[in-house]
Amino acid sequence: MRKCLRAVGLDHVLTREPDGWFARRSWGDVLTLEEQQRLCIARLLYHQPAFCILEDATSTISAVPESHLHQALVDWGVTPLALSSAASMPSQHCKQLQVGLDLEADSAGWQSDESDVLLH
């Protein structure tokens, strides 16, 4: 569990709590929104599902750390499917599907990007 917290930059939470792992807190009140999002990613790393759907899951995290979190998921064997209203990190994903676009009538409001960009 500590390895997961370290991977998302949250291992300091354990050291700042007098009871460490046994701390019982209302974490929604104690952790910042960014820390809460990092904790969610740590939980994904711990459980290591084959894939996860992230809907604006890193919206409070700046670009470089956000990129590292997405890369951590891949490094741990989790395939992230990211849903976002912002056009963030297109280079982080192998494929991109944009929906709700105001394009030509024959496109039906969506567009697929078949780029071969892979995570590094």
PDB file of N, CA and C in Angstrom:
ATOM      1  N   MET A   1       0.816  -1.182   0.000  1.00  0.00           N
ATOM      2  CA  MET A   1       0.000   0.000   0.000  1.00  0.00           C
ATOM      3  C   MET A   1       0.869   1.258   0.000  1.00  0.00           C
ATOM      4  N   ARG A   2       1.959   1.192   0.744  1.00  0.00           N
ATOM      5  CA  ARG A   2       2.841   2.362   0.795  1.00  0.00           C
ATOM      6  C   ARG A   2       3.472   2.619  -0.571  1.00  0.00           C
ATOM      7  N   LYS A   3       3.799   1.557  -1.287  1.00  0.00           N
ATOM      8  CA  LYS A   3       4.362   1.688  -2.634  1.00  0.00           C
ATOM      9  C   LYS A   3       3.370   2.408  -3.557  1.00  0.00           C
ATOM     10  N   CYS A   4       2.091   2.123  -3.410  1.00  0.00           N
ATOM     11  CA  CYS A   4       1.058   2.785  -4.205  1.00  0.00           C
ATOM     12  C   CYS A   4       0.978   4.263  -3.851  1.00  0.00           C
ATOM     13  N   LEU A   5       1.002   4.576  -2.559  1.00  0.00           N
ATOM     14  CA  LEU A   5       0.975   5.973  -2.133  1.00  0.00           C
ATOM     15  C   LEU A   5       2.209   6.717  -2.615  1.00  0.00           C
ATOM     16  N   ARG A   6       3.339   6.064  -2.559  1.00  0.00           N
ATOM     17  CA  ARG A   6       4.590   6.683  -3.026  1.00  0.00           C
ATOM     18  C   ARG A   6       4.522   6.948  -4.531  1.00  0.00           C
ATOM     19  N   ALA A   7       3.940   6.027  -5.279  1.00  0.00           N
ATOM     20  CA  ALA A   7       3.856   6.167  -6.740  1.00  0.00           C
ATOM     21  C   ALA A   7       3.027   7.374  -7.158  1.00  0.00           C
ATOM     22  N   VAL A   8       2.077   7.782  -6.318  1.00  0.00           N
ATOM     23  CA  VAL A   8       1.234   8.942  -6.652  1.00  0.00           C
ATOM     24  C   VAL A   8       1.618  10.185  -5.854  1.00  0.00           C
ATOM     25  N   GLY A   9       2.703  10.102  -5.091  1.00  0.00           N
ATOM     26  CA  GLY A   9       3.186  11.254  -4.340  1.00  0.00           C
ATOM     27  C   GLY A   9       2.393  11.563  -3.089  1.00  0.00           C
ATOM     28  N   LEU A  10       1.879  10.524  -2.426  1.00  0.00           N
ATOM     29  CA  LEU A  10       1.081  10.739  -1.216  1.00  0.00           C
ATOM     30  C   LEU A  10       1.619  10.061   0.032  1.00  0.00           C
ATOM     31  N   ASP A  11       2.814   9.507   0.001  1.00  0.00           N
ATOM     32  CA  ASP A  11       3.305   8.802   1.182  1.00  0.00           C
ATOM     33  C   ASP A  11       3.500   9.740   2.370  1.00  0.00           C
ATOM     34  N   HIS A  12       3.576  11.051   2.133  1.00  0.00           N
ATOM     35  CA  HIS A  12       3.710  12.019   3.224  1.00  0.00           C
ATOM     36  C   HIS A  12       2.473  12.063   4.121  1.00  0.00           C
ATOM     37  N   VAL A  13       1.334  11.621   3.603  1.00  0.00           N
ATOM     38  CA  VAL A  13       0.105  11.625   4.406  1.00  0.00           C
ATOM     39  C   VAL A  13       0.268  10.712   5.620  1.00  0.00           C
ATOM     40  N   LEU A  14       0.939   9.591   5.433  1.00  0.00           N
ATOM     41  CA  LEU A  14       1.154   8.659   6.547  1.00  0.00           C
ATOM     42  C   LEU A  14       2.043   9.263   7.625  1.00  0.00           C
ATOM     43  N   THR A  15       3.069   9.977   7.215  1.00  0.00           N
ATOM     44  CA  THR A  15       4.022  10.520   8.191  1.00  0.00           C
ATOM     45  C   THR A  15       3.459  11.734   8.932  1.00  0.00           C
ATOM     46  N   ARG A  16       2.510  12.445   8.327  1.00  0.00           N
ATOM     47  CA  ARG A  16       1.960  13.615   9.025  1.00  0.00           C
ATOM     48  C   ARG A  16       0.845  13.234   9.997  1.00  0.00           C
ATOM     49  N   GLU A  17       0.361  12.013   9.916  1.00  0.00           N
ATOM     50  CA  GLU A  17      -0.681  11.540  10.824  1.00  0.00           C
ATOM     51  C   GLU A  17      -0.031  10.827  12.010  1.00  0.00           C
ATOM     52  N   PRO A  18      -0.351  11.239  13.239  1.00  0.00           N
ATOM     53  CA  PRO A  18       0.250  10.597  14.413  1.00  0.00           C
ATOM     54  C   PRO A  18      -0.009   9.086  14.474  1.00  0.00           C
ATOM     55  N   ASP A  19      -1.180   8.641  14.001  1.00  0.00           N
ATOM     56  CA  ASP A  19      -1.521   7.226  14.053  1.00  0.00           C
ATOM     57  C   ASP A  19      -1.157   6.477  12.773  1.00  0.00           C
ATOM     58  N   GLY A  20      -0.530   7.160  11.812  1.00  0.00           N
ATOM     59  CA  GLY A  20      -0.103   6.511  10.575  1.00  0.00           C
ATOM     60  C   GLY A  20      -1.229   5.782   9.879  1.00  0.00           C
ATOM     61  N   TRP A  21      -1.020   4.482   9.613  1.00  0.00           N
ATOM     62  CA  TRP A  21      -2.014   3.662   8.912  1.00  0.00           C
ATOM     63  C   TRP A  21      -3.334   3.567   9.668  1.00  0.00           C
ATOM     64  N   PHE A  22      -3.286   3.739  10.969  1.00  0.00           N
ATOM     65  CA  PHE A  22      -4.482   3.544  11.789  1.00  0.00           C
ATOM     66  C   PHE A  22      -5.282   4.823  12.004  1.00  0.00           C
ATOM     67  N   ALA A  23      -4.885   5.902  11.373  1.00  0.00           N
ATOM     68  CA  ALA A  23      -5.594   7.174  11.520  1.00  0.00           C
ATOM     69  C   ALA A  23      -7.019   7.049  11.001  1.00  0.00           C
ATOM     70  N   ARG A  24      -7.931   7.557  11.758  1.00  0.00           N
ATOM     71  CA  ARG A  24      -9.341   7.584  11.353  1.00  0.00           C
ATOM     72  C   ARG A  24      -9.718   9.050  11.231  1.00  0.00           C
ATOM     73  N   ARG A  25      -9.860   9.484   9.998  1.00  0.00           N
ATOM     74  CA  ARG A  25     -10.151  10.887   9.736  1.00  0.00           C
ATOM     75  C   ARG A  25     -11.250  10.984   8.697  1.00  0.00           C
ATOM     76  N   SER A  26     -11.865  12.125   8.628  1.00  0.00           N
ATOM     77  CA  SER A  26     -12.793  12.420   7.544  1.00  0.00           C
ATOM     78  C   SER A  26     -11.926  12.942   6.404  1.00  0.00           C
ATOM     79  N   TRP A  27     -11.431  12.022   5.571  1.00  0.00           N
ATOM     80  CA  TRP A  27     -10.414  12.365   4.579  1.00  0.00           C
ATOM     81  C   TRP A  27     -10.888  13.405   3.576  1.00  0.00           C
ATOM     82  N   GLY A  28     -12.174  13.486   3.334  1.00  0.00           N
ATOM     83  CA  GLY A  28     -12.705  14.518   2.453  1.00  0.00           C
ATOM     84  C   GLY A  28     -12.471  15.912   3.000  1.00  0.00           C
ATOM     85  N   ASP A  29     -12.372  16.019   4.331  1.00  0.00           N
ATOM     86  CA  ASP A  29     -12.112  17.306   4.973  1.00  0.00           C
ATOM     87  C   ASP A  29     -10.617  17.564   5.160  1.00  0.00           C
ATOM     88  N   VAL A  30      -9.826  16.507   5.236  1.00  0.00           N
ATOM     89  CA  VAL A  30      -8.398  16.631   5.526  1.00  0.00           C
ATOM     90  C   VAL A  30      -7.563  16.795   4.251  1.00  0.00           C
ATOM     91  N   LEU A  31      -7.894  16.019   3.228  1.00  0.00           N
ATOM     92  CA  LEU A  31      -7.102  16.028   1.994  1.00  0.00           C
ATOM     93  C   LEU A  31      -7.592  17.107   1.031  1.00  0.00           C
ATOM     94  N   THR A  32      -6.662  17.709   0.309  1.00  0.00           N
ATOM     95  CA  THR A  32      -7.040  18.655  -0.743  1.00  0.00           C
ATOM     96  C   THR A  32      -7.693  17.873  -1.883  1.00  0.00           C
ATOM     97  N   LEU A  33      -8.334  18.579  -2.807  1.00  0.00           N
ATOM     98  CA  LEU A  33      -8.940  17.901  -3.957  1.00  0.00           C
ATOM     99  C   LEU A  33      -7.879  17.158  -4.763  1.00  0.00           C
ATOM    100  N   GLU A  34      -6.721  17.761  -4.932  1.00  0.00           N
ATOM    101  CA  GLU A  34      -5.640  17.085  -5.660  1.00  0.00           C
ATOM    102  C   GLU A  34      -5.220  15.812  -4.937  1.00  0.00           C
ATOM    103  N   GLU A  35      -5.067  15.871  -3.606  1.00  0.00           N
ATOM    104  CA  GLU A  35      -4.697  14.684  -2.841  1.00  0.00           C
ATOM    105  C   GLU A  35      -5.774  13.612  -2.929  1.00  0.00           C
ATOM    106  N   GLN A  36      -7.037  14.016  -2.938  1.00  0.00           N
ATOM    107  CA  GLN A  36      -8.120  13.042  -3.078  1.00  0.00           C
ATOM    108  C   GLN A  36      -8.051  12.339  -4.429  1.00  0.00           C
ATOM    109  N   GLN A  37      -7.741  13.098  -5.488  1.00  0.00           N
ATOM    110  CA  GLN A  37      -7.626  12.475  -6.811  1.00  0.00           C
ATOM    111  C   GLN A  37      -6.414  11.551  -6.861  1.00  0.00           C
ATOM    112  N   ARG A  38      -5.324  11.956  -6.243  1.00  0.00           N
ATOM    113  CA  ARG A  38      -4.141  11.091  -6.192  1.00  0.00           C
ATOM    114  C   ARG A  38      -4.445   9.807  -5.418  1.00  0.00           C
ATOM    115  N   LEU A  39      -5.206   9.918  -4.336  1.00  0.00           N
ATOM    116  CA  LEU A  39      -5.575   8.748  -3.541  1.00  0.00           C
ATOM    117  C   LEU A  39      -6.406   7.770  -4.366  1.00  0.00           C
ATOM    118  N   CYS A  40      -7.290   8.293  -5.191  1.00  0.00           N
ATOM    119  CA  CYS A  40      -8.088   7.422  -6.069  1.00  0.00           C
ATOM    120  C   CYS A  40      -7.185   6.651  -7.039  1.00  0.00           C
ATOM    121  N   ILE A  41      -6.172   7.325  -7.575  1.00  0.00           N
ATOM    122  CA  ILE A  41      -5.228   6.644  -8.475  1.00  0.00           C
ATOM    123  C   ILE A  41      -4.443   5.592  -7.688  1.00  0.00           C
ATOM    124  N   ALA A  42      -4.056   5.914  -6.453  1.00  0.00           N
ATOM    125  CA  ALA A  42      -3.343   4.937  -5.609  1.00  0.00           C
ATOM    126  C   ALA A  42      -4.194   3.693  -5.382  1.00  0.00           C
ATOM    127  N   ARG A  43      -5.490   3.874  -5.186  1.00  0.00           N
ATOM    128  CA  ARG A  43      -6.391   2.726  -5.005  1.00  0.00           C
ATOM    129  C   ARG A  43      -6.432   1.869  -6.265  1.00  0.00           C
ATOM    130  N   LEU A  44      -6.419   2.525  -7.427  1.00  0.00           N
ATOM    131  CA  LEU A  44      -6.374   1.767  -8.686  1.00  0.00           C
ATOM    132  C   LEU A  44      -5.078   0.970  -8.779  1.00  0.00           C
ATOM    133  N   LEU A  45      -3.970   1.583  -8.410  1.00  0.00           N
ATOM    134  CA  LEU A  45      -2.687   0.872  -8.451  1.00  0.00           C
ATOM    135  C   LEU A  45      -2.716  -0.336  -7.513  1.00  0.00           C
ATOM    136  N   TYR A  46      -3.294  -0.159  -6.343  1.00  0.00           N
ATOM    137  CA  TYR A  46      -3.354  -1.246  -5.371  1.00  0.00           C
ATOM    138  C   TYR A  46      -4.174  -2.423  -5.886  1.00  0.00           C
ATOM    139  N   HIS A  47      -5.327  -2.130  -6.482  1.00  0.00           N
ATOM    140  CA  HIS A  47      -6.214  -3.198  -6.952  1.00  0.00           C
ATOM    141  C   HIS A  47      -5.836  -3.724  -8.333  1.00  0.00           C
ATOM    142  N   GLN A  48      -5.079  -2.972  -9.103  1.00  0.00           N
ATOM    143  CA  GLN A  48      -4.588  -3.338 -10.428  1.00  0.00           C
ATOM    144  C   GLN A  48      -5.642  -3.990 -11.334  1.00  0.00           C
ATOM    145  N   PRO A  49      -6.719  -3.262 -11.637  1.00  0.00           N
ATOM    146  CA  PRO A  49      -7.681  -3.821 -12.594  1.00  0.00           C
ATOM    147  C   PRO A  49      -7.060  -3.825 -13.992  1.00  0.00           C
ATOM    148  N   ALA A  50      -7.633  -4.566 -14.910  1.00  0.00           N
ATOM    149  CA  ALA A  50      -7.114  -4.606 -16.283  1.00  0.00           C
ATOM    150  C   ALA A  50      -7.250  -3.238 -16.947  1.00  0.00           C
ATOM    151  N   PHE A  51      -8.332  -2.531 -16.636  1.00  0.00           N
ATOM    152  CA  PHE A  51      -8.534  -1.188 -17.179  1.00  0.00           C
ATOM    153  C   PHE A  51      -9.344  -0.372 -16.182  1.00  0.00           C
ATOM    154  N   CYS A  52      -9.352   0.935 -16.382  1.00  0.00           N
ATOM    155  CA  CYS A  52     -10.158   1.827 -15.555  1.00  0.00           C
ATOM    156  C   CYS A  52     -10.706   2.951 -16.430  1.00  0.00           C
ATOM    157  N   ILE A  53     -11.832   3.479 -16.037  1.00  0.00           N
ATOM    158  CA  ILE A  53     -12.421   4.616 -16.733  1.00  0.00           C
ATOM    159  C   ILE A  53     -12.250   5.827 -15.825  1.00  0.00           C
ATOM    160  N   LEU A  54     -11.524   6.814 -16.326  1.00  0.00           N
ATOM    161  CA  LEU A  54     -11.244   8.020 -15.563  1.00  0.00           C
ATOM    162  C   LEU A  54     -12.046   9.178 -16.152  1.00  0.00           C
ATOM    163  N   GLU A  55     -13.013   9.670 -15.419  1.00  0.00           N
ATOM    164  CA  GLU A  55     -13.808  10.798 -15.899  1.00  0.00           C
ATOM    165  C   GLU A  55     -13.355  12.047 -15.148  1.00  0.00           C
ATOM    166  N   ASP A  56     -12.554  12.873 -15.819  1.00  0.00           N
ATOM    167  CA  ASP A  56     -11.966  14.075 -15.208  1.00  0.00           C
ATOM    168  C   ASP A  56     -11.323  13.729 -13.861  1.00  0.00           C
ATOM    169  N   ALA A  57     -10.699  12.584 -13.775  1.00  0.00           N
ATOM    170  CA  ALA A  57     -10.143  12.076 -12.522  1.00  0.00           C
ATOM    171  C   ALA A  57      -8.889  12.799 -12.064  1.00  0.00           C
ATOM    172  N   THR A  58      -8.265  13.546 -12.946  1.00  0.00           N
ATOM    173  CA  THR A  58      -7.052  14.269 -12.584  1.00  0.00           C
ATOM    174  C   THR A  58      -7.182  15.750 -12.928  1.00  0.00           C
ATOM    175  N   SER A  59      -8.395  16.259 -12.880  1.00  0.00           N
ATOM    176  CA  SER A  59      -8.669  17.628 -13.315  1.00  0.00           C
ATOM    177  C   SER A  59      -8.038  18.701 -12.430  1.00  0.00           C
ATOM    178  N   THR A  60      -7.717  18.385 -11.179  1.00  0.00           N
ATOM    179  CA  THR A  60      -7.109  19.382 -10.294  1.00  0.00           C
ATOM    180  C   THR A  60      -5.586  19.284 -10.261  1.00  0.00           C
ATOM    181  N   ILE A  61      -5.033  18.389 -11.062  1.00  0.00           N
ATOM    182  CA  ILE A  61      -3.588  18.151 -11.052  1.00  0.00           C
ATOM    183  C   ILE A  61      -2.977  18.791 -12.288  1.00  0.00           C
ATOM    184  N   SER A  62      -1.855  19.482 -12.113  1.00  0.00           N
ATOM    185  CA  SER A  62      -1.210  20.143 -13.256  1.00  0.00           C
ATOM    186  C   SER A  62      -0.678  19.113 -14.251  1.00  0.00           C
ATOM    187  N   ALA A  63      -0.320  19.592 -15.445  1.00  0.00           N
ATOM    188  CA  ALA A  63      -0.034  18.724 -16.598  1.00  0.00           C
ATOM    189  C   ALA A  63       1.072  17.698 -16.357  1.00  0.00           C
ATOM    190  N   VAL A  64       2.216  18.093 -15.835  1.00  0.00           N
ATOM    191  CA  VAL A  64       3.338  17.151 -15.687  1.00  0.00           C
ATOM    192  C   VAL A  64       3.018  16.062 -14.667  1.00  0.00           C
ATOM    193  N   PRO A  65       2.567  16.406 -13.453  1.00  0.00           N
ATOM    194  CA  PRO A  65       2.198  15.330 -12.518  1.00  0.00           C
ATOM    195  C   PRO A  65       1.048  14.468 -13.039  1.00  0.00           C
ATOM    196  N   GLU A  66       0.115  15.076 -13.761  1.00  0.00           N
ATOM    197  CA  GLU A  66      -0.997  14.318 -14.343  1.00  0.00           C
ATOM    198  C   GLU A  66      -0.464  13.281 -15.322  1.00  0.00           C
ATOM    199  N   SER A  67       0.490  13.681 -16.124  1.00  0.00           N
ATOM    200  CA  SER A  67       1.124  12.768 -17.070  1.00  0.00           C
ATOM    201  C   SER A  67       1.804  11.611 -16.342  1.00  0.00           C
ATOM    202  N   HIS A  68       2.468  11.909 -15.240  1.00  0.00           N
ATOM    203  CA  HIS A  68       3.144  10.868 -14.456  1.00  0.00           C
ATOM    204  C   HIS A  68       2.146   9.887 -13.849  1.00  0.00           C
ATOM    205  N   LEU A  69       0.993  10.399 -13.420  1.00  0.00           N
ATOM    206  CA  LEU A  69      -0.031   9.512 -12.849  1.00  0.00           C
ATOM    207  C   LEU A  69      -0.595   8.568 -13.897  1.00  0.00           C
ATOM    208  N   HIS A  70      -0.857   9.105 -15.089  1.00  0.00           N
ATOM    209  CA  HIS A  70      -1.356   8.242 -16.167  1.00  0.00           C
ATOM    210  C   HIS A  70      -0.295   7.202 -16.551  1.00  0.00           C
ATOM    211  N   GLN A  71       0.966   7.619 -16.576  1.00  0.00           N
ATOM    212  CA  GLN A  71       2.045   6.690 -16.894  1.00  0.00           C
ATOM    213  C   GLN A  71       2.187   5.626 -15.809  1.00  0.00           C
ATOM    214  N   ALA A  72       1.984   6.017 -14.549  1.00  0.00           N
ATOM    215  CA  ALA A  72       2.057   5.044 -13.452  1.00  0.00           C
ATOM    216  C   ALA A  72       1.000   3.954 -13.633  1.00  0.00           C
ATOM    217  N   LEU A  73      -0.190   4.340 -14.047  1.00  0.00           N
ATOM    218  CA  LEU A  73      -1.234   3.337 -14.296  1.00  0.00           C
ATOM    219  C   LEU A  73      -0.766   2.323 -15.332  1.00  0.00           C
ATOM    220  N   VAL A  74      -0.218   2.826 -16.428  1.00  0.00           N
ATOM    221  CA  VAL A  74       0.255   1.941 -17.496  1.00  0.00           C
ATOM    222  C   VAL A  74       1.404   1.062 -16.993  1.00  0.00           C
ATOM    223  N   ASP A  75       2.333   1.660 -16.250  1.00  0.00           N
ATOM    224  CA  ASP A  75       3.475   0.902 -15.721  1.00  0.00           C
ATOM    225  C   ASP A  75       3.029  -0.223 -14.787  1.00  0.00           C
ATOM    226  N   TRP A  76       1.915  -0.025 -14.106  1.00  0.00           N
ATOM    227  CA  TRP A  76       1.391  -1.032 -13.179  1.00  0.00           C
ATOM    228  C   TRP A  76       0.434  -1.990 -13.884  1.00  0.00           C
ATOM    229  N   GLY A  77       0.299  -1.870 -15.201  1.00  0.00           N
ATOM    230  CA  GLY A  77      -0.521  -2.806 -15.961  1.00  0.00           C
ATOM    231  C   GLY A  77      -1.994  -2.457 -16.063  1.00  0.00           C
ATOM    232  N   VAL A  78      -2.350  -1.218 -15.756  1.00  0.00           N
ATOM    233  CA  VAL A  78      -3.739  -0.772 -15.826  1.00  0.00           C
ATOM    234  C   VAL A  78      -3.904   0.071 -17.093  1.00  0.00           C
ATOM    235  N   THR A  79      -4.878  -0.258 -17.921  1.00  0.00           N
ATOM    236  CA  THR A  79      -5.147   0.517 -19.133  1.00  0.00           C
ATOM    237  C   THR A  79      -6.173   1.591 -18.809  1.00  0.00           C
ATOM    238  N   PRO A  80      -5.762   2.878 -18.839  1.00  0.00           N
ATOM    239  CA  PRO A  80      -6.722   3.934 -18.531  1.00  0.00           C
ATOM    240  C   PRO A  80      -7.527   4.358 -19.752  1.00  0.00           C
ATOM    241  N   LEU A  81      -8.834   4.481 -19.581  1.00  0.00           N
ATOM    242  CA  LEU A  81      -9.721   5.072 -20.577  1.00  0.00           C
ATOM    243  C   LEU A  81     -10.129   6.412 -19.988  1.00  0.00           C
ATOM    244  N   ALA A  82      -9.588   7.491 -20.521  1.00  0.00           N
ATOM    245  CA  ALA A  82      -9.799   8.814 -19.935  1.00  0.00           C
ATOM    246  C   ALA A  82     -10.910   9.560 -20.648  1.00  0.00           C
ATOM    247  N   LEU A  83     -11.901  10.009 -19.879  1.00  0.00           N
ATOM    248  CA  LEU A  83     -12.985  10.835 -20.387  1.00  0.00           C
ATOM    249  C   LEU A  83     -12.766  12.228 -19.823  1.00  0.00           C
ATOM    250  N   SER A  84     -12.711  13.214 -20.705  1.00  0.00           N
ATOM    251  CA  SER A  84     -12.421  14.557 -20.242  1.00  0.00           C
ATOM    252  C   SER A  84     -13.129  15.583 -21.097  1.00  0.00           C
ATOM    253  N   SER A  85     -13.581  16.651 -20.467  1.00  0.00           N
ATOM    254  CA  SER A  85     -14.176  17.755 -21.211  1.00  0.00           C
ATOM    255  C   SER A  85     -13.098  18.699 -21.719  1.00  0.00           C
ATOM    256  N   ALA A  86     -11.893  18.570 -21.194  1.00  0.00           N
ATOM    257  CA  ALA A  86     -10.755  19.379 -21.645  1.00  0.00           C
ATOM    258  C   ALA A  86      -9.899  18.547 -22.592  1.00  0.00           C
ATOM    259  N   ALA A  87      -9.220  19.212 -23.477  1.00  0.00           N
ATOM    260  CA  ALA A  87      -8.335  18.524 -24.424  1.00  0.00           C
ATOM    261  C   ALA A  87      -6.953  18.384 -23.799  1.00  0.00           C
ATOM    262  N   SER A  88      -6.876  17.630 -22.723  1.00  0.00           N
ATOM    263  CA  SER A  88      -5.599  17.488 -22.032  1.00  0.00           C
ATOM    264  C   SER A  88      -4.897  16.208 -22.437  1.00  0.00           C
ATOM    265  N   MET A  89      -3.600  16.281 -22.526  1.00  0.00           N
ATOM    266  CA  MET A  89      -2.716  15.154 -22.774  1.00  0.00           C
ATOM    267  C   MET A  89      -3.071  14.294 -23.974  1.00  0.00           C
ATOM    268  N   PRO A  90      -3.307  14.845 -25.141  1.00  0.00           N
ATOM    269  CA  PRO A  90      -3.589  13.970 -26.278  1.00  0.00           C
ATOM    270  C   PRO A  90      -2.417  13.052 -26.611  1.00  0.00           C
ATOM    271  N   SER A  91      -1.193  13.457 -26.290  1.00  0.00           N
ATOM    272  CA  SER A  91      -0.038  12.613 -26.584  1.00  0.00           C
ATOM    273  C   SER A  91       0.068  11.430 -25.632  1.00  0.00           C
ATOM    274  N   GLN A  92      -0.696  11.429 -24.546  1.00  0.00           N
ATOM    275  CA  GLN A  92      -0.643  10.332 -23.581  1.00  0.00           C
ATOM    276  C   GLN A  92      -1.462   9.127 -24.007  1.00  0.00           C
ATOM    277  N   HIS A  93      -2.267   9.274 -25.022  1.00  0.00           N
ATOM    278  CA  HIS A  93      -3.193   8.202 -25.360  1.00  0.00           C
ATOM    279  C   HIS A  93      -2.974   7.695 -26.780  1.00  0.00           C
ATOM    280  N   CYS A  94      -3.204   6.408 -26.965  1.00  0.00           N
ATOM    281  CA  CYS A  94      -3.020   5.785 -28.273  1.00  0.00           C
ATOM    282  C   CYS A  94      -4.095   6.220 -29.252  1.00  0.00           C
ATOM    283  N   LYS A  95      -5.301   6.383 -28.775  1.00  0.00           N
ATOM    284  CA  LYS A  95      -6.420   6.750 -29.640  1.00  0.00           C
ATOM    285  C   LYS A  95      -7.235   7.830 -28.949  1.00  0.00           C
ATOM    286  N   GLN A  96      -7.846   8.659 -29.757  1.00  0.00           N
ATOM    287  CA  GLN A  96      -8.668   9.724 -29.219  1.00  0.00           C
ATOM    288  C   GLN A  96      -9.983   9.764 -29.983  1.00  0.00           C
ATOM    289  N   LEU A  97     -11.080   9.824 -29.244  1.00  0.00           N
ATOM    290  CA  LEU A  97     -12.405   9.942 -29.843  1.00  0.00           C
ATOM    291  C   LEU A  97     -13.023  11.221 -29.302  1.00  0.00           C
ATOM    292  N   GLN A  98     -13.319  12.149 -30.185  1.00  0.00           N
ATOM    293  CA  GLN A  98     -13.930  13.411 -29.784  1.00  0.00           C
ATOM    294  C   GLN A  98     -15.405  13.359 -30.155  1.00  0.00           C
ATOM    295  N   VAL A  99     -16.270  13.614 -29.180  1.00  0.00           N
ATOM    296  CA  VAL A  99     -17.712  13.600 -29.431  1.00  0.00           C
ATOM    297  C   VAL A  99     -18.296  14.981 -29.166  1.00  0.00           C
ATOM    298  N   GLY A 100     -19.463  15.215 -29.728  1.00  0.00           N
ATOM    299  CA  GLY A 100     -20.133  16.482 -29.527  1.00  0.00           C
ATOM    300  C   GLY A 100     -19.536  17.613 -30.338  1.00  0.00           C
ATOM    301  N   LEU A 101     -18.863  17.271 -31.430  1.00  0.00           N
ATOM    302  CA  LEU A 101     -18.231  18.281 -32.265  1.00  0.00           C
ATOM    303  C   LEU A 101     -19.215  18.834 -33.283  1.00  0.00           C
ATOM    304  N   ASP A 102     -19.017  20.073 -33.647  1.00  0.00           N
ATOM    305  CA  ASP A 102     -19.833  20.705 -34.677  1.00  0.00           C
ATOM    306  C   ASP A 102     -19.061  20.609 -35.992  1.00  0.00           C
ATOM    307  N   LEU A 103     -19.130  19.425 -36.600  1.00  0.00           N
ATOM    308  CA  LEU A 103     -18.408  19.168 -37.844  1.00  0.00           C
ATOM    309  C   LEU A 103     -19.387  19.062 -38.992  1.00  0.00           C
ATOM    310  N   GLU A 104     -18.893  18.603 -40.107  1.00  0.00           N
ATOM    311  CA  GLU A 104     -19.759  18.400 -41.270  1.00  0.00           C
ATOM    312  C   GLU A 104     -20.879  17.417 -40.930  1.00  0.00           C
ATOM    313  N   ALA A 105     -21.972  17.513 -41.656  1.00  0.00           N
ATOM    314  CA  ALA A 105     -23.164  16.712 -41.364  1.00  0.00           C
ATOM    315  C   ALA A 105     -22.904  15.207 -41.411  1.00  0.00           C
ATOM    316  N   ASP A 106     -21.991  14.762 -42.265  1.00  0.00           N
ATOM    317  CA  ASP A 106     -21.768  13.318 -42.386  1.00  0.00           C
ATOM    318  C   ASP A 106     -20.932  12.732 -41.246  1.00  0.00           C
ATOM    319  N   SER A 107     -20.366  13.541 -40.369  1.00  0.00           N
ATOM    320  CA  SER A 107     -19.532  13.018 -39.291  1.00  0.00           C
ATOM    321  C   SER A 107     -20.333  12.658 -38.045  1.00  0.00           C
ATOM    322  N   ALA A 108     -21.599  13.029 -37.984  1.00  0.00           N
ATOM    323  CA  ALA A 108     -22.496  12.701 -36.860  1.00  0.00           C
ATOM    324  C   ALA A 108     -21.999  13.256 -35.526  1.00  0.00           C
ATOM    325  N   GLY A 109     -21.168  14.306 -35.540  1.00  0.00           N
ATOM    326  CA  GLY A 109     -20.737  14.953 -34.300  1.00  0.00           C
ATOM    327  C   GLY A 109     -19.612  14.265 -33.563  1.00  0.00           C
ATOM    328  N   TRP A 110     -18.910  13.354 -34.202  1.00  0.00           N
ATOM    329  CA  TRP A 110     -17.761  12.729 -33.555  1.00  0.00           C
ATOM    330  C   TRP A 110     -16.632  12.528 -34.553  1.00  0.00           C
ATOM    331  N   GLN A 111     -15.450  12.371 -34.011  1.00  0.00           N
ATOM    332  CA  GLN A 111     -14.255  12.216 -34.844  1.00  0.00           C
ATOM    333  C   GLN A 111     -13.273  11.315 -34.101  1.00  0.00           C
ATOM    334  N   SER A 112     -12.667  10.395 -34.823  1.00  0.00           N
ATOM    335  CA  SER A 112     -11.706   9.480 -34.221  1.00  0.00           C
ATOM    336  C   SER A 112     -10.322   9.816 -34.731  1.00  0.00           C
ATOM    337  N   ASP A 113      -9.354   9.751 -33.841  1.00  0.00           N
ATOM    338  CA  ASP A 113      -7.959   9.986 -34.196  1.00  0.00           C
ATOM    339  C   ASP A 113      -7.237   8.656 -34.106  1.00  0.00           C
ATOM    340  N   GLU A 114      -6.755   8.146 -35.187  1.00  0.00           N
ATOM    341  CA  GLU A 114      -6.097   6.829 -35.214  1.00  0.00           C
ATOM    342  C   GLU A 114      -4.582   6.948 -35.150  1.00  0.00           C
ATOM    343  N   SER A 115      -4.072   7.885 -34.351  1.00  0.00           N
ATOM    344  CA  SER A 115      -2.622   8.077 -34.270  1.00  0.00           C
ATOM    345  C   SER A 115      -1.947   6.891 -33.587  1.00  0.00           C
ATOM    346  N   ASP A 116      -0.670   6.753 -33.831  1.00  0.00           N
ATOM    347  CA  ASP A 116       0.104   5.659 -33.244  1.00  0.00           C
ATOM    348  C   ASP A 116       0.950   6.149 -32.074  1.00  0.00           C
ATOM    349  N   VAL A 117       0.518   7.186 -31.389  1.00  0.00           N
ATOM    350  CA  VAL A 117       1.264   7.718 -30.269  1.00  0.00           C
ATOM    351  C   VAL A 117       1.107   6.756 -29.083  1.00  0.00           C
ATOM    352  N   LEU A 118       2.203   6.335 -28.521  1.00  0.00           N
ATOM    353  CA  LEU A 118       2.175   5.426 -27.375  1.00  0.00           C
ATOM    354  C   LEU A 118       2.755   6.122 -26.167  1.00  0.00           C
ATOM    355  N   LEU A 119       2.388   5.645 -24.982  1.00  0.00           N
ATOM    356  CA  LEU A 119       2.955   6.188 -23.763  1.00  0.00           C
ATOM    357  C   LEU A 119       4.432   5.852 -23.699  1.00  0.00           C
ATOM    358  N   HIS A 120       5.200   6.742 -23.112  1.00  0.00           N
ATOM    359  CA  HIS A 120       6.636   6.469 -22.956  1.00  0.00           C
ATOM    360  C   HIS A 120       6.991   6.417 -21.504  1.00  0.00           C
TER     361      HIS A 120
END
